[in-house]
Amino acid sequence: MVDVPWKVQQYCYFWLASEAVRAEQVTECLGLEPDRTAVMGSRRTSPGLVPAAHRWEIRCETHGPIDEQASTVLARIAPAADRVRALVDGGDVEAGLMMVRYFDDPDGGYNAMGWWLSREQIQLLARMGASVESDEYAGDFTAHSRR
């Protein structure tokens, strides 16, 4: 294996999505302003709806380790944790923490490979009924393959 460091671009966000509950309703329920919202079907309605659901998001796109970004996002949503759970328990809303990383990004930074969530963060996510998701993308696999 070639010992070449990867450059990583990454961001993190906490999301709520629903086919029935609009982002404005989520904002009202949580008493917390989102960083981004989307309206179901606002980009396309045929052959399928895009986005597929109404979305409400708190985001962190500050460059840094993804677990630090997760800490920032979770600290912002924590005061509304019980209200998030009430929405999720209502059956029409899903919630989650999304972490996205792009490897071999020419504008990314080095030394940002691993991540972890603390016991308290996992308990908070469970308390809200939220999932944890991670998307990772790589552009040039040849840079890290055996020669």
Protein backbone atom coordinates (compact mmCIF):
# COMPACT_ATOMS: atom_id res chain seq x y z
CA MET A 1 0.00 0.00 0.00
CA VAL A 2 1.30 3.44 -0.88
CA ASP A 3 1.76 5.65 2.17
CA VAL A 4 0.12 8.77 0.71
CA PRO A 5 -2.10 10.81 3.03
CA TRP A 6 -5.67 11.38 1.91
CA LYS A 7 -7.13 14.84 1.72
CA VAL A 8 -10.63 14.83 3.19
CA GLN A 9 -13.50 17.28 2.81
CA GLN A 10 -16.32 16.62 5.28
CA TYR A 11 -19.45 18.03 6.81
CA CYS A 12 -22.11 16.98 9.29
CA TYR A 13 -25.78 17.72 9.87
CA PHE A 14 -28.75 16.68 11.98
CA TRP A 15 -31.92 16.20 9.96
CA LEU A 16 -35.62 15.66 10.34
CA ALA A 17 -37.65 14.43 7.36
CA SER A 18 -41.33 13.82 6.78
CA GLU A 19 -43.84 13.37 3.99
CA ALA A 20 -46.56 14.89 6.20
CA VAL A 21 -44.88 17.47 8.46
CA ARG A 22 -43.44 20.58 6.76
CA ALA A 23 -40.19 22.21 7.87
CA GLU A 24 -42.07 25.28 9.17
CA GLN A 25 -44.05 23.00 11.48
CA VAL A 26 -40.83 21.38 12.72
CA THR A 27 -39.35 24.83 13.43
CA GLU A 28 -42.47 25.82 15.36
CA CYS A 29 -42.48 22.58 17.36
CA LEU A 30 -38.78 22.68 18.20
CA GLY A 31 -38.47 26.44 18.74
CA LEU A 32 -35.19 26.21 16.85
CA GLU A 33 -34.28 27.76 13.49
CA PRO A 34 -32.84 25.39 10.87
CA ASP A 35 -29.82 26.11 8.69
CA ARG A 36 -31.49 24.53 5.66
CA THR A 37 -34.94 23.30 4.69
CA ALA A 38 -36.41 21.60 1.65
CA VAL A 39 -39.96 21.20 0.40
CA MET A 40 -41.05 17.75 -0.77
CA GLY A 41 -41.31 17.69 -4.57
CA SER A 42 -39.98 21.24 -5.01
CA ARG A 43 -37.30 20.21 -7.51
CA ARG A 44 -39.20 17.53 -9.40
CA THR A 45 -42.53 15.72 -9.25
CA SER A 46 -42.17 13.23 -12.08
CA PRO A 47 -41.24 10.42 -12.34
CA GLY A 48 -40.76 10.74 -8.55
CA LEU A 49 -40.72 13.48 -5.95
CA VAL A 50 -37.39 15.26 -5.39
CA PRO A 51 -36.83 15.82 -2.55
CA ALA A 52 -38.77 12.76 -1.49
CA ALA A 53 -39.74 14.38 1.83
CA HIS A 54 -39.85 17.73 3.60
CA ARG A 55 -36.49 18.29 5.31
CA TRP A 56 -35.24 20.36 8.24
CA GLU A 57 -31.50 20.51 8.99
CA ILE A 58 -28.94 21.89 11.41
CA ARG A 59 -25.55 21.82 9.67
CA CYS A 60 -21.85 22.21 10.41
CA GLU A 61 -19.61 22.75 7.42
CA THR A 62 -16.66 24.19 9.32
CA HIS A 63 -13.45 22.46 8.30
CA GLY A 64 -12.27 20.08 11.01
CA PRO A 65 -12.61 16.50 12.24
CA ILE A 66 -16.06 15.08 11.59
CA ASP A 67 -16.56 14.10 15.25
CA GLU A 68 -15.96 17.73 16.27
CA GLN A 69 -18.55 18.80 13.71
CA ALA A 70 -20.96 16.22 15.15
CA SER A 71 -20.36 17.67 18.62
CA THR A 72 -21.26 21.15 17.34
CA VAL A 73 -24.45 19.95 15.66
CA LEU A 74 -25.55 17.79 18.60
CA ALA A 75 -24.94 20.63 21.06
CA ARG A 76 -27.32 22.78 19.02
CA ILE A 77 -30.12 20.19 18.85
CA ALA A 78 -29.75 18.89 22.45
CA PRO A 79 -32.03 21.51 24.06
CA ALA A 80 -34.87 20.33 21.79
CA ALA A 81 -34.22 16.58 22.26
CA ASP A 82 -37.55 15.80 23.93
CA ARG A 83 -39.47 17.75 21.26
CA VAL A 84 -37.57 15.87 18.53
CA ARG A 85 -38.57 12.59 20.17
CA ALA A 86 -42.21 13.71 20.33
CA LEU A 87 -42.14 14.36 16.57
CA VAL A 88 -40.49 10.99 15.88
CA ASP A 89 -42.89 9.14 18.18
CA GLY A 90 -45.79 10.74 16.29
CA GLY A 91 -44.88 8.40 13.44
CA ASP A 92 -44.65 10.94 10.62
CA VAL A 93 -41.10 12.21 11.22
CA GLU A 94 -37.70 10.53 11.01
CA ALA A 95 -34.51 12.01 12.49
CA GLY A 96 -30.81 11.37 12.10
CA LEU A 97 -27.25 12.54 12.24
CA MET A 98 -25.50 12.47 8.85
CA MET A 99 -21.73 12.59 8.41
CA VAL A 100 -20.38 13.03 4.88
CA ARG A 101 -16.75 12.66 3.81
CA TYR A 102 -15.11 13.06 0.40
CA PHE A 103 -11.68 11.45 0.18
CA ASP A 104 -9.00 12.67 -2.26
CA ASP A 105 -10.59 16.11 -2.37
CA PRO A 106 -7.99 18.60 -3.68
CA ASP A 107 -9.35 21.29 -1.33
CA GLY A 108 -9.67 19.03 1.71
CA GLY A 109 -7.38 18.74 4.73
CA TYR A 110 -5.13 15.95 5.98
CA ASN A 111 -5.29 13.81 9.14
CA ALA A 112 -9.05 13.60 9.45
CA MET A 113 -9.62 9.89 8.94
CA GLY A 114 -11.22 8.51 12.09
CA TRP A 115 -14.27 9.60 14.03
CA TRP A 116 -16.17 8.62 17.12
CA LEU A 117 -19.23 9.61 19.12
CA SER A 118 -19.16 9.76 22.89
CA ARG A 119 -21.43 7.65 25.07
CA GLU A 120 -23.40 10.83 25.90
CA GLN A 121 -23.85 11.67 22.21
CA ILE A 122 -25.08 8.16 21.44
CA GLN A 123 -27.49 8.39 24.38
CA LEU A 124 -28.75 11.75 23.08
CA LEU A 125 -29.34 10.31 19.61
CA ALA A 126 -31.16 7.32 21.10
CA ARG A 127 -33.23 9.64 23.31
CA MET A 128 -34.34 11.49 20.16
CA GLY A 129 -35.05 8.27 18.26
CA ALA A 130 -32.44 9.32 15.68
CA SER A 131 -30.29 7.21 13.39
CA VAL A 132 -26.62 7.70 12.52
CA GLU A 133 -25.65 7.72 8.86
CA SER A 134 -22.35 8.09 7.09
CA ASP A 135 -21.66 8.68 3.41
CA GLU A 136 -18.08 8.37 2.20
CA TYR A 137 -16.91 9.04 -1.33
CA ALA A 138 -13.55 8.53 -3.00
CA GLY A 139 -12.58 9.87 -6.39
CA ASP A 140 -9.28 8.24 -7.19
CA PHE A 141 -8.88 4.76 -5.71
CA THR A 142 -5.59 4.24 -7.60
CA ALA A 143 -3.75 6.62 -5.31
CA HIS A 144 -4.18 4.15 -2.42
CA SER A 145 -4.12 0.78 -4.16
CA ARG A 146 -1.32 -1.76 -4.21
CA ARG A 147 1.16 -1.30 -7.04
